[in-house]
Structure formats: C-alpha cells, structure tokens
Amino acid sequence: MKTRPGMPVVCRLPDGRYLMIYERVGLPDVPAYFRYSDDGRHWGDPQDPGTLITDAEGNFMSGTPYVIWTPLGGKKGSHIASAKSMRRNGEMVGNGLMVNCNLGKGHWTFVPTDITYQARPHSGGYSNALLIVEN
C-alpha cells in the first residue's frame, strides 16, 4: 500500500530543535507520527515513517494532527497534540489530547476531552488548533 505524509504542523522546542507532527495517509486509521529537525528544513530520511504517537495502552491519534509545545507541565515543558480521534485495534476509543513531558520521548499520555467528533455521514473537512491561555 502506498502511503504519504499529510497535514504537517511544526513547533519549535526549547532546545532549538523542531518537532513536526503529520498523518500517514494510506495506512489504516490514518495514524499520526512525528519527527525532529535541527534546523526546520532537514527532517531525515523520507522513507522513515517517523515515530507513532501512542500511549502505554496502544491508543493512537487518527487524522488531522496538531501539536504545540508549552513550558507548562514539567521541567522540559509539554507537547500537547490533538487529532480527529483516538483509536486502538481499528476502533475509535474516544476523543482527547495526547501529552508528553519528555520532549516526545517515550509514551504519550491520553487525556480525554469533552470535544466529540462524529464521522458519519462524512468524515472530511475536520481541522483543529491548540492555544495555551494563561489566566
């Protein structure tokens, strides 16, 4: 099956590197992956699919990913990622965010949200964004 990356979103990290999140179109459930770049222009081997964003239970993000980095949440700050839905074993397991407080290393943590997405009757046209707001 031919696959391709889609819908890339890039954020800058506190160590000067960049993180890009993107969907893998052509794979079942259109999973979200990420990769790093030192300069924001060179992202490594195009044949390397990157790293799947997943939690310890095997939940992963599906379609239209978005990511930000914030200094909140830990010594290294936090990546907060969103997507159309969360999936496991070909089934939708809900909606929510994935959070990682180790600059993308290791498993991410699934945080359920009240935001819902209904894929019926048509699953196209979904997009999202994240913004940190201080109170």
Protein backbone atom coordinates (compact mmCIF):
# COMPACT_ATOMS: atom_id res chain seq x y z
CA MET A 1 0.00 0.00 0.00
CA LYS A 2 1.38 3.41 -0.95
CA THR A 3 1.44 5.91 1.90
CA ARG A 4 2.31 9.56 2.19
CA PRO A 5 2.59 12.14 4.95
CA GLY A 6 -0.09 14.81 5.18
CA MET A 7 -1.17 17.87 7.16
CA PRO A 8 2.22 18.68 8.76
CA VAL A 9 2.38 21.02 11.75
CA VAL A 10 5.71 22.18 13.21
CA CYS A 11 6.57 23.57 16.64
CA ARG A 12 9.90 24.81 18.00
CA LEU A 13 11.36 23.17 21.08
CA PRO A 14 13.23 24.90 23.93
CA ASP A 15 16.49 23.20 22.88
CA GLY A 16 16.27 24.88 19.44
CA ARG A 17 15.13 21.80 17.53
CA TYR A 18 11.81 21.47 15.73
CA LEU A 19 9.13 18.79 16.02
CA MET A 20 6.81 18.03 13.11
CA ILE A 21 3.59 16.06 13.50
CA TYR A 22 1.81 14.63 10.47
CA GLU A 23 -0.70 11.98 9.44
CA ARG A 24 0.26 8.90 7.37
CA VAL A 25 -2.34 8.81 4.61
CA GLY A 26 -2.82 5.33 3.15
CA LEU A 27 -2.37 3.48 6.45
CA PRO A 28 -5.43 2.12 8.29
CA ASP A 29 -6.94 4.80 10.57
CA VAL A 30 -4.52 7.48 9.23
CA PRO A 31 -2.23 7.43 12.31
CA ALA A 32 -0.24 10.49 13.48
CA TYR A 33 3.55 10.37 13.57
CA PHE A 34 6.27 12.85 14.48
CA ARG A 35 9.94 13.52 13.78
CA TYR A 36 12.62 16.06 14.71
CA SER A 37 14.79 18.51 12.79
CA ASP A 38 17.77 20.53 13.99
CA ASP A 39 17.09 23.38 11.57
CA GLY A 40 13.43 23.11 10.48
CA ARG A 41 14.47 22.29 6.90
CA HIS A 42 16.07 18.85 7.05
CA TRP A 43 13.87 16.12 8.51
CA GLY A 44 15.89 12.97 7.83
CA ASP A 45 15.23 10.03 5.53
CA PRO A 46 11.90 10.47 3.69
CA GLN A 47 11.48 6.66 3.73
CA ASP A 48 11.50 6.65 7.55
CA PRO A 49 7.84 6.95 8.66
CA GLY A 50 8.79 8.66 11.93
CA THR A 51 7.55 7.81 15.43
CA LEU A 52 3.93 6.85 16.08
CA ILE A 53 2.26 8.95 18.78
CA THR A 54 0.89 6.32 21.15
CA ASP A 55 0.23 5.80 24.85
CA ALA A 56 1.10 2.78 27.01
CA GLU A 57 -2.28 1.15 26.25
CA GLY A 58 -1.79 1.33 22.48
CA ASN A 59 -4.17 4.24 21.83
CA PHE A 60 -3.02 6.39 18.93
CA MET A 61 -4.12 9.58 17.21
CA SER A 62 -6.01 9.38 13.92
CA GLY A 63 -6.16 12.07 11.24
CA THR A 64 -5.61 15.84 11.09
CA PRO A 65 -2.99 16.14 13.85
CA TYR A 66 -1.91 19.36 15.51
CA VAL A 67 0.84 19.95 18.11
CA ILE A 68 2.15 22.72 20.34
CA TRP A 69 4.89 22.92 22.93
CA THR A 70 4.37 24.80 26.19
CA PRO A 71 6.76 25.46 29.08
CA LEU A 72 3.99 24.31 31.44
CA GLY A 73 3.72 20.78 32.78
CA GLY A 74 7.24 19.85 33.77
CA LYS A 75 10.95 20.61 33.68
CA LYS A 76 11.04 20.06 29.90
CA GLY A 77 7.61 21.57 29.29
CA SER A 78 4.92 19.64 27.46
CA HIS A 79 3.95 18.66 23.96
CA ILE A 80 0.18 18.72 23.58
CA ALA A 81 -1.20 17.06 20.46
CA SER A 82 -4.72 16.76 19.11
CA ALA A 83 -6.29 14.87 16.21
CA LYS A 84 -9.66 13.92 14.80
CA SER A 85 -9.99 10.87 17.07
CA MET A 86 -8.18 8.34 19.24
CA ARG A 87 -8.08 4.73 18.05
CA ARG A 88 -6.92 1.29 19.13
CA ASN A 89 -7.15 -2.01 17.21
CA GLY A 90 -9.14 -0.38 14.41
CA GLU A 91 -11.79 1.01 16.76
CA MET A 92 -12.47 4.57 17.87
CA VAL A 93 -11.82 4.85 21.63
CA GLY A 94 -12.86 8.47 22.04
CA ASN A 95 -11.60 11.97 21.64
CA GLY A 96 -8.89 13.74 23.53
CA LEU A 97 -5.37 15.01 23.61
CA MET A 98 -2.01 13.30 23.82
CA VAL A 99 0.53 14.87 26.19
CA ASN A 100 4.26 14.20 26.52
CA CYS A 101 6.51 15.91 29.09
CA ASN A 102 9.80 14.43 27.83
CA LEU A 103 10.27 16.29 24.52
CA GLY A 104 8.47 13.50 22.65
CA LYS A 105 10.48 10.59 24.06
CA GLY A 106 8.64 7.54 25.40
CA HIS A 107 4.91 7.01 25.58
CA TRP A 108 2.46 9.86 25.48
CA THR A 109 -0.49 10.21 27.89
CA PHE A 110 -4.07 10.17 26.58
CA VAL A 111 -6.19 12.91 28.19
CA PRO A 112 -9.92 12.55 27.35
CA THR A 113 -11.83 15.71 26.47
CA ASP A 114 -15.49 16.63 26.14
CA ILE A 115 -14.98 17.52 22.48
CA THR A 116 -16.61 14.93 20.23
CA TYR A 117 -16.23 14.11 16.58
CA GLN A 118 -18.88 12.27 14.60
CA ALA A 119 -17.54 10.63 11.43
CA ARG A 120 -20.98 10.00 9.96
CA PRO A 121 -22.23 10.72 7.37
CA HIS A 122 -18.99 12.29 6.08
CA SER A 123 -15.57 12.25 7.72
CA GLY A 124 -13.91 15.03 5.68
CA GLY A 125 -13.25 18.65 6.48
CA TYR A 126 -12.11 18.32 10.08
CA SER A 127 -9.37 20.59 11.37
CA ASN A 128 -8.28 21.81 14.79
CA ALA A 129 -5.83 24.04 16.64
CA LEU A 130 -4.48 24.41 20.18
CA LEU A 131 -3.61 27.55 22.10
CA ILE A 132 -2.27 27.93 25.65
CA VAL A 133 -4.10 30.70 27.51
CA GLU A 134 -2.81 31.93 30.86
CA ASN A 135 -5.40 33.01 33.45
